[in-house]
């Protein structure tokens, strides 16, 4: 069975950043009880918007 350590041993790939965003989005989605409006979704997918604001 693949362990969590095996995953971290892999070298970072260009898709890692996208994977991180997916994980962050999943965590945020869980925090919201699985309910997210479109604004939260766009913020989770593009962190740049958070810096510039609405």
Protein backbone atom coordinates (compact mmCIF):
# COMPACT_ATOMS: atom_id res chain seq x y z
CA UNK A 1 0.00 0.00 0.00
CA UNK A 2 1.32 3.45 -0.89
CA UNK A 3 2.10 5.47 2.21
CA UNK A 4 1.85 9.22 2.70
CA UNK A 5 5.64 9.37 2.97
CA UNK A 6 5.96 7.98 -0.54
CA UNK A 7 3.93 10.89 -1.87
CA UNK A 8 6.17 13.50 -0.23
CA UNK A 9 9.28 11.79 -1.60
CA UNK A 10 8.14 12.46 -5.15
CA UNK A 11 9.73 15.48 -6.78
CA UNK A 12 7.42 18.48 -7.21
CA UNK A 13 5.85 18.75 -10.64
CA UNK A 14 4.21 21.72 -12.42
CA UNK A 15 0.82 20.24 -11.55
CA UNK A 16 1.65 20.30 -7.84
CA UNK A 17 0.47 23.90 -7.50
CA UNK A 18 -2.86 23.01 -9.06
CA UNK A 19 -3.12 20.00 -6.76
CA UNK A 20 -2.46 22.25 -3.76
CA UNK A 21 -5.28 24.56 -4.87
CA UNK A 22 -7.58 21.57 -5.22
CA UNK A 23 -6.66 20.46 -1.68
CA UNK A 24 -7.18 23.97 -0.31
CA UNK A 25 -10.52 24.15 -2.10
CA UNK A 26 -11.53 20.78 -0.65
CA UNK A 27 -10.58 21.91 2.85
CA UNK A 28 -12.47 25.17 2.44
CA UNK A 29 -15.45 23.31 1.03
CA UNK A 30 -15.43 21.01 4.06
CA UNK A 31 -15.19 24.03 6.37
CA UNK A 32 -18.28 25.48 4.69
CA UNK A 33 -20.15 22.23 5.19
CA UNK A 34 -19.91 21.37 1.50
CA UNK A 35 -21.69 24.59 0.53
CA UNK A 36 -19.79 27.13 -1.53
CA UNK A 37 -21.07 30.01 -3.56
CA UNK A 38 -19.47 30.98 -6.85
CA UNK A 39 -17.48 33.80 -5.27
CA UNK A 40 -15.80 31.44 -2.80
CA UNK A 41 -15.10 28.99 -5.61
CA UNK A 42 -13.39 31.62 -7.74
CA UNK A 43 -11.37 32.85 -4.76
CA UNK A 44 -10.21 29.32 -4.01
CA UNK A 45 -9.22 28.71 -7.63
CA UNK A 46 -7.44 32.06 -8.09
CA UNK A 47 -5.66 33.31 -4.95
CA UNK A 48 -4.60 36.46 -6.82
CA UNK A 49 -8.14 37.79 -6.47
CA UNK A 50 -7.81 37.58 -2.69
CA UNK A 51 -4.83 39.94 -2.79
CA UNK A 52 -6.44 42.51 -5.08
CA UNK A 53 -9.79 42.30 -3.31
CA UNK A 54 -13.31 42.61 -4.82
